[in-house]
Amino acid sequence: MDRFIIPLKTGWTLRRFIGFAIALFISIQSILLWDPVLGLLSIVFLFQVITNTGCLGSQSCTVNNTKFN
C-alpha cells in the first residue's frame, strides 16, 4: 500500500499544483454546466495530475537528443 501512497505525497512541484488547480476548475465547470464531455476531460486531467503521469509527470515529454547513425 505504501508503494501507491508515497508517490502521491511526494514530488509536488509548482507545475503539478497549477495542473491540479486547472483540473479542479474544469471539474467544477463541468458540474455547473452539466457537461459530460468536460467532466470526462477533467477526470483524465485529474488522473494525470494525481498520479504524476502524462505531460505533467517528471520529464515525460522530453525529446531524446541522441543521434542515431
PDB file of N, CA and C in Angstrom:
ATOM      1  N   MET A   1       0.818  -1.198   0.000  1.00  0.00           N
ATOM      2  CA  MET A   1       0.000   0.000   0.000  1.00  0.00           C
ATOM      3  C   MET A   1       0.863   1.264   0.000  1.00  0.00           C
ATOM      4  N   ASP A   2       2.030   1.217   0.625  1.00  0.00           N
ATOM      5  CA  ASP A   2       2.902   2.383   0.662  1.00  0.00           C
ATOM      6  C   ASP A   2       3.453   2.720  -0.715  1.00  0.00           C
ATOM      7  N   ARG A   3       3.585   1.721  -1.587  1.00  0.00           N
ATOM      8  CA  ARG A   3       4.062   1.987  -2.941  1.00  0.00           C
ATOM      9  C   ARG A   3       3.129   2.921  -3.688  1.00  0.00           C
ATOM     10  N   PHE A   4       1.851   2.893  -3.342  1.00  0.00           N
ATOM     11  CA  PHE A   4       0.881   3.746  -4.001  1.00  0.00           C
ATOM     12  C   PHE A   4       0.731   5.096  -3.298  1.00  0.00           C
ATOM     13  N   ILE A   5       0.812   5.117  -1.986  1.00  0.00           N
ATOM     14  CA  ILE A   5       0.579   6.333  -1.209  1.00  0.00           C
ATOM     15  C   ILE A   5       1.772   7.284  -1.271  1.00  0.00           C
ATOM     16  N   ILE A   6       2.986   6.784  -1.166  1.00  0.00           N
ATOM     17  CA  ILE A   6       4.172   7.649  -1.107  1.00  0.00           C
ATOM     18  C   ILE A   6       4.331   8.497  -2.364  1.00  0.00           C
ATOM     19  N   PRO A   7       4.170   7.972  -3.600  1.00  0.00           N
ATOM     20  CA  PRO A   7       4.285   8.854  -4.765  1.00  0.00           C
ATOM     21  C   PRO A   7       3.207   9.940  -4.819  1.00  0.00           C
ATOM     22  N   LEU A   8       2.060   9.693  -4.207  1.00  0.00           N
ATOM     23  CA  LEU A   8       1.017  10.714  -4.186  1.00  0.00           C
ATOM     24  C   LEU A   8       1.381  11.868  -3.267  1.00  0.00           C
ATOM     25  N   LYS A   9       2.165  11.588  -2.240  1.00  0.00           N
ATOM     26  CA  LYS A   9       2.536  12.617  -1.271  1.00  0.00           C
ATOM     27  C   LYS A   9       3.809  13.362  -1.643  1.00  0.00           C
ATOM     28  N   THR A  10       4.630  12.808  -2.504  1.00  0.00           N
ATOM     29  CA  THR A  10       5.913  13.425  -2.832  1.00  0.00           C
ATOM     30  C   THR A  10       5.923  13.913  -4.273  1.00  0.00           C
ATOM     31  N   GLY A  11       6.861  14.786  -4.583  1.00  0.00           N
ATOM     32  CA  GLY A  11       7.047  15.244  -5.947  1.00  0.00           C
ATOM     33  C   GLY A  11       6.084  16.330  -6.387  1.00  0.00           C
ATOM     34  N   TRP A  12       5.483  17.052  -5.463  1.00  0.00           N
ATOM     35  CA  TRP A  12       4.555  18.111  -5.826  1.00  0.00           C
ATOM     36  C   TRP A  12       5.337  19.377  -6.137  1.00  0.00           C
ATOM     37  N   THR A  13       5.414  19.718  -7.407  1.00  0.00           N
ATOM     38  CA  THR A  13       6.097  20.926  -7.849  1.00  0.00           C
ATOM     39  C   THR A  13       5.049  21.978  -8.202  1.00  0.00           C
ATOM     40  N   LEU A  14       5.529  23.160  -8.566  1.00  0.00           N
ATOM     41  CA  LEU A  14       4.617  24.238  -8.947  1.00  0.00           C
ATOM     42  C   LEU A  14       3.791  23.838 -10.160  1.00  0.00           C
ATOM     43  N   ARG A  15       4.399  23.148 -11.103  1.00  0.00           N
ATOM     44  CA  ARG A  15       3.692  22.694 -12.300  1.00  0.00           C
ATOM     45  C   ARG A  15       2.554  21.743 -11.938  1.00  0.00           C
ATOM     46  N   ARG A  16       2.793  20.881 -10.978  1.00  0.00           N
ATOM     47  CA  ARG A  16       1.772  19.922 -10.573  1.00  0.00           C
ATOM     48  C   ARG A  16       0.634  20.611  -9.816  1.00  0.00           C
ATOM     49  N   PHE A  17       0.958  21.607  -8.979  1.00  0.00           N
ATOM     50  CA  PHE A  17      -0.081  22.367  -8.277  1.00  0.00           C
ATOM     51  C   PHE A  17      -0.942  23.162  -9.260  1.00  0.00           C
ATOM     52  N   ILE A  18      -0.320  23.757 -10.256  1.00  0.00           N
ATOM     53  CA  ILE A  18      -1.073  24.502 -11.262  1.00  0.00           C
ATOM     54  C   ILE A  18      -1.979  23.556 -12.058  1.00  0.00           C
ATOM     55  N   GLY A  19      -1.455  22.398 -12.404  1.00  0.00           N
ATOM     56  CA  GLY A  19      -2.276  21.409 -13.105  1.00  0.00           C
ATOM     57  C   GLY A  19      -3.447  20.940 -12.265  1.00  0.00           C
ATOM     58  N   PHE A  20      -3.221  20.785 -10.964  1.00  0.00           N
ATOM     59  CA  PHE A  20      -4.305  20.377 -10.064  1.00  0.00           C
ATOM     60  C   PHE A  20      -5.368  21.463  -9.977  1.00  0.00           C
ATOM     61  N   ALA A  21      -4.945  22.722  -9.909  1.00  0.00           N
ATOM     62  CA  ALA A  21      -5.898  23.830  -9.858  1.00  0.00           C
ATOM     63  C   ALA A  21      -6.718  23.912 -11.145  1.00  0.00           C
ATOM     64  N   ILE A  22      -6.062  23.723 -12.277  1.00  0.00           N
ATOM     65  CA  ILE A  22      -6.776  23.749 -13.561  1.00  0.00           C
ATOM     66  C   ILE A  22      -7.759  22.580 -13.652  1.00  0.00           C
ATOM     67  N   ALA A  23      -7.334  21.403 -13.214  1.00  0.00           N
ATOM     68  CA  ALA A  23      -8.215  20.237 -13.248  1.00  0.00           C
ATOM     69  C   ALA A  23      -9.421  20.432 -12.333  1.00  0.00           C
ATOM     70  N   LEU A  24      -9.219  21.031 -11.160  1.00  0.00           N
ATOM     71  CA  LEU A  24     -10.353  21.315 -10.277  1.00  0.00           C
ATOM     72  C   LEU A  24     -11.296  22.332 -10.907  1.00  0.00           C
ATOM     73  N   PHE A  25     -10.740  23.353 -11.541  1.00  0.00           N
ATOM     74  CA  PHE A  25     -11.563  24.351 -12.216  1.00  0.00           C
ATOM     75  C   PHE A  25     -12.410  23.717 -13.319  1.00  0.00           C
ATOM     76  N   ILE A  26     -11.785  22.841 -14.113  1.00  0.00           N
ATOM     77  CA  ILE A  26     -12.521  22.172 -15.191  1.00  0.00           C
ATOM     78  C   ILE A  26     -13.615  21.279 -14.626  1.00  0.00           C
ATOM     79  N   SER A  27     -13.323  20.560 -13.545  1.00  0.00           N
ATOM     80  CA  SER A  27     -14.342  19.680 -12.974  1.00  0.00           C
ATOM     81  C   SER A  27     -15.492  20.473 -12.376  1.00  0.00           C
ATOM     82  N   ILE A  28     -15.218  21.594 -11.739  1.00  0.00           N
ATOM     83  CA  ILE A  28     -16.291  22.426 -11.186  1.00  0.00           C
ATOM     84  C   ILE A  28     -17.140  23.006 -12.317  1.00  0.00           C
ATOM     85  N   GLN A  29     -16.496  23.444 -13.392  1.00  0.00           N
ATOM     86  CA  GLN A  29     -17.243  23.970 -14.528  1.00  0.00           C
ATOM     87  C   GLN A  29     -18.103  22.893 -15.187  1.00  0.00           C
ATOM     88  N   SER A  30     -17.605  21.672 -15.232  1.00  0.00           N
ATOM     89  CA  SER A  30     -18.397  20.599 -15.835  1.00  0.00           C
ATOM     90  C   SER A  30     -19.632  20.289 -14.997  1.00  0.00           C
ATOM     91  N   ILE A  31     -19.514  20.422 -13.683  1.00  0.00           N
ATOM     92  CA  ILE A  31     -20.678  20.203 -12.818  1.00  0.00           C
ATOM     93  C   ILE A  31     -21.677  21.347 -12.970  1.00  0.00           C
ATOM     94  N   LEU A  32     -21.183  22.585 -12.986  1.00  0.00           N
ATOM     95  CA  LEU A  32     -22.071  23.739 -13.100  1.00  0.00           C
ATOM     96  C   LEU A  32     -22.775  23.805 -14.447  1.00  0.00           C
ATOM     97  N   LEU A  33     -22.083  23.405 -15.508  1.00  0.00           N
ATOM     98  CA  LEU A  33     -22.651  23.475 -16.854  1.00  0.00           C
ATOM     99  C   LEU A  33     -23.350  22.187 -17.275  1.00  0.00           C
ATOM    100  N   TRP A  34     -23.307  21.167 -16.450  1.00  0.00           N
ATOM    101  CA  TRP A  34     -23.881  19.853 -16.758  1.00  0.00           C
ATOM    102  C   TRP A  34     -23.340  19.331 -18.087  1.00  0.00           C
ATOM    103  N   ASP A  35     -22.035  19.390 -18.246  1.00  0.00           N
ATOM    104  CA  ASP A  35     -21.389  18.981 -19.492  1.00  0.00           C
ATOM    105  C   ASP A  35     -20.612  17.683 -19.265  1.00  0.00           C
ATOM    106  N   PRO A  36     -21.095  16.560 -19.792  1.00  0.00           N
ATOM    107  CA  PRO A  36     -20.414  15.283 -19.546  1.00  0.00           C
ATOM    108  C   PRO A  36     -19.055  15.165 -20.240  1.00  0.00           C
ATOM    109  N   VAL A  37     -18.890  15.791 -21.401  1.00  0.00           N
ATOM    110  CA  VAL A  37     -17.607  15.720 -22.103  1.00  0.00           C
ATOM    111  C   VAL A  37     -16.541  16.461 -21.302  1.00  0.00           C
ATOM    112  N   LEU A  38     -16.882  17.620 -20.781  1.00  0.00           N
ATOM    113  CA  LEU A  38     -15.963  18.372 -19.938  1.00  0.00           C
ATOM    114  C   LEU A  38     -15.664  17.607 -18.652  1.00  0.00           C
ATOM    115  N   GLY A  39     -16.656  16.873 -18.154  1.00  0.00           N
ATOM    116  CA  GLY A  39     -16.444  16.038 -16.966  1.00  0.00           C
ATOM    117  C   GLY A  39     -15.439  14.930 -17.219  1.00  0.00           C
ATOM    118  N   LEU A  40     -15.533  14.287 -18.381  1.00  0.00           N
ATOM    119  CA  LEU A  40     -14.560  13.247 -18.731  1.00  0.00           C
ATOM    120  C   LEU A  40     -13.164  13.823 -18.894  1.00  0.00           C
ATOM    121  N   LEU A  41     -13.075  15.005 -19.494  1.00  0.00           N
ATOM    122  CA  LEU A  41     -11.789  15.665 -19.639  1.00  0.00           C
ATOM    123  C   LEU A  41     -11.183  15.979 -18.276  1.00  0.00           C
ATOM    124  N   SER A  42     -12.016  16.418 -17.350  1.00  0.00           N
ATOM    125  CA  SER A  42     -11.500  16.737 -16.021  1.00  0.00           C
ATOM    126  C   SER A  42     -11.050  15.485 -15.269  1.00  0.00           C
ATOM    127  N   ILE A  43     -11.729  14.370 -15.466  1.00  0.00           N
ATOM    128  CA  ILE A  43     -11.322  13.121 -14.823  1.00  0.00           C
ATOM    129  C   ILE A  43      -9.956  12.673 -15.353  1.00  0.00           C
ATOM    130  N   VAL A  44      -9.761  12.756 -16.665  1.00  0.00           N
ATOM    131  CA  VAL A  44      -8.479  12.369 -17.257  1.00  0.00           C
ATOM    132  C   VAL A  44      -7.366  13.283 -16.761  1.00  0.00           C
ATOM    133  N   PHE A  45      -7.652  14.577 -16.727  1.00  0.00           N
ATOM    134  CA  PHE A  45      -6.651  15.550 -16.300  1.00  0.00           C
ATOM    135  C   PHE A  45      -6.318  15.376 -14.820  1.00  0.00           C
ATOM    136  N   LEU A  46      -7.334  15.140 -13.983  1.00  0.00           N
ATOM    137  CA  LEU A  46      -7.086  14.897 -12.555  1.00  0.00           C
ATOM    138  C   LEU A  46      -6.264  13.629 -12.345  1.00  0.00           C
ATOM    139  N   PHE A  47      -6.562  12.592 -13.121  1.00  0.00           N
ATOM    140  CA  PHE A  47      -5.792  11.353 -13.005  1.00  0.00           C
ATOM    141  C   PHE A  47      -4.319  11.589 -13.319  1.00  0.00           C
ATOM    142  N   GLN A  48      -4.051  12.361 -14.382  1.00  0.00           N
ATOM    143  CA  GLN A  48      -2.672  12.642 -14.755  1.00  0.00           C
ATOM    144  C   GLN A  48      -1.957  13.456 -13.685  1.00  0.00           C
ATOM    145  N   VAL A  49      -2.648  14.403 -13.091  1.00  0.00           N
ATOM    146  CA  VAL A  49      -2.020  15.235 -12.065  1.00  0.00           C
ATOM    147  C   VAL A  49      -1.762  14.428 -10.800  1.00  0.00           C
ATOM    148  N   ILE A  50      -2.738  13.672 -10.364  1.00  0.00           N
ATOM    149  CA  ILE A  50      -2.598  12.938  -9.100  1.00  0.00           C
ATOM    150  C   ILE A  50      -1.546  11.848  -9.203  1.00  0.00           C
ATOM    151  N   THR A  51      -1.525  11.130 -10.330  1.00  0.00           N
ATOM    152  CA  THR A  51      -0.559  10.034 -10.466  1.00  0.00           C
ATOM    153  C   THR A  51       0.779  10.487 -11.032  1.00  0.00           C
ATOM    154  N   ASN A  52       0.909  11.773 -11.365  1.00  0.00           N
ATOM    155  CA  ASN A  52       2.142  12.353 -11.897  1.00  0.00           C
ATOM    156  C   ASN A  52       2.566  11.663 -13.195  1.00  0.00           C
ATOM    157  N   THR A  53       1.600  11.456 -14.079  1.00  0.00           N
ATOM    158  CA  THR A  53       1.850  10.854 -15.385  1.00  0.00           C
ATOM    159  C   THR A  53       1.452  11.838 -16.473  1.00  0.00           C
ATOM    160  N   GLY A  54       1.577  11.439 -17.705  1.00  0.00           N
ATOM    161  CA  GLY A  54       1.223  12.327 -18.803  1.00  0.00           C
ATOM    162  C   GLY A  54       2.241  13.442 -18.939  1.00  0.00           C
ATOM    163  N   CYS A  55       1.830  14.541 -19.509  1.00  0.00           N
ATOM    164  CA  CYS A  55       2.745  15.664 -19.702  1.00  0.00           C
ATOM    165  C   CYS A  55       3.006  16.431 -18.407  1.00  0.00           C
ATOM    166  N   LEU A  56       2.277  16.133 -17.356  1.00  0.00           N
ATOM    167  CA  LEU A  56       2.541  16.775 -16.072  1.00  0.00           C
ATOM    168  C   LEU A  56       3.520  15.969 -15.232  1.00  0.00           C
ATOM    169  N   GLY A  57       3.880  14.792 -15.703  1.00  0.00           N
ATOM    170  CA  GLY A  57       4.847  13.970 -14.980  1.00  0.00           C
ATOM    171  C   GLY A  57       6.261  14.505 -15.117  1.00  0.00           C
ATOM    172  N   SER A  58       7.136  13.958 -14.357  1.00  0.00           N
ATOM    173  CA  SER A  58       8.516  14.457 -14.371  1.00  0.00           C
ATOM    174  C   SER A  58       9.233  13.999 -15.632  1.00  0.00           C
ATOM    175  N   GLN A  59       9.559  14.929 -16.495  1.00  0.00           N
ATOM    176  CA  GLN A  59      10.293  14.729 -17.738  1.00  0.00           C
ATOM    177  C   GLN A  59       9.665  13.683 -18.647  1.00  0.00           C
ATOM    178  N   SER A  60       8.350  13.646 -18.704  1.00  0.00           N
ATOM    179  CA  SER A  60       7.703  12.645 -19.550  1.00  0.00           C
ATOM    180  C   SER A  60       7.553  13.116 -20.996  1.00  0.00           C
ATOM    181  N   CYS A  61       7.681  14.409 -21.223  1.00  0.00           N
ATOM    182  CA  CYS A  61       7.535  14.933 -22.583  1.00  0.00           C
ATOM    183  C   CYS A  61       8.850  15.464 -23.137  1.00  0.00           C
ATOM    184  N   THR A  62       9.951  14.994 -22.609  1.00  0.00           N
ATOM    185  CA  THR A  62      11.229  15.475 -23.114  1.00  0.00           C
ATOM    186  C   THR A  62      11.557  14.802 -24.445  1.00  0.00           C
ATOM    187  N   VAL A  63      12.393  15.467 -25.211  1.00  0.00           N
ATOM    188  CA  VAL A  63      12.806  14.957 -26.509  1.00  0.00           C
ATOM    189  C   VAL A  63      14.154  14.273 -26.343  1.00  0.00           C
ATOM    190  N   ASN A  64      14.299  13.108 -26.951  1.00  0.00           N
ATOM    191  CA  ASN A  64      15.543  12.361 -26.902  1.00  0.00           C
ATOM    192  C   ASN A  64      16.529  13.011 -27.880  1.00  0.00           C
ATOM    193  N   ASN A  65      17.646  13.492 -27.373  1.00  0.00           N
ATOM    194  CA  ASN A  65      18.638  14.180 -28.206  1.00  0.00           C
ATOM    195  C   ASN A  65      19.725  13.248 -28.735  1.00  0.00           C
ATOM    196  N   THR A  66      19.590  11.952 -28.574  1.00  0.00           N
ATOM    197  CA  THR A  66      20.584  11.012 -29.019  1.00  0.00           C
ATOM    198  C   THR A  66      20.520  10.865 -30.539  1.00  0.00           C
ATOM    199  N   LYS A  67      21.656  10.991 -31.199  1.00  0.00           N
ATOM    200  CA  LYS A  67      21.708  10.837 -32.657  1.00  0.00           C
ATOM    201  C   LYS A  67      22.001   9.397 -33.008  1.00  0.00           C
ATOM    202  N   PHE A  68      21.254   8.889 -33.977  1.00  0.00           N
ATOM    203  CA  PHE A  68      21.476   7.538 -34.448  1.00  0.00           C
ATOM    204  C   PHE A  68      22.055   7.609 -35.858  1.00  0.00           C
ATOM    205  N   ASN A  69      23.094   6.834 -36.093  1.00  0.00           N
ATOM    206  CA  ASN A  69      23.719   6.822 -37.414  1.00  0.00           C
ATOM    207  C   ASN A  69      23.278   5.621 -38.199  1.00  0.00           C
TER     208      ASN A  69
END
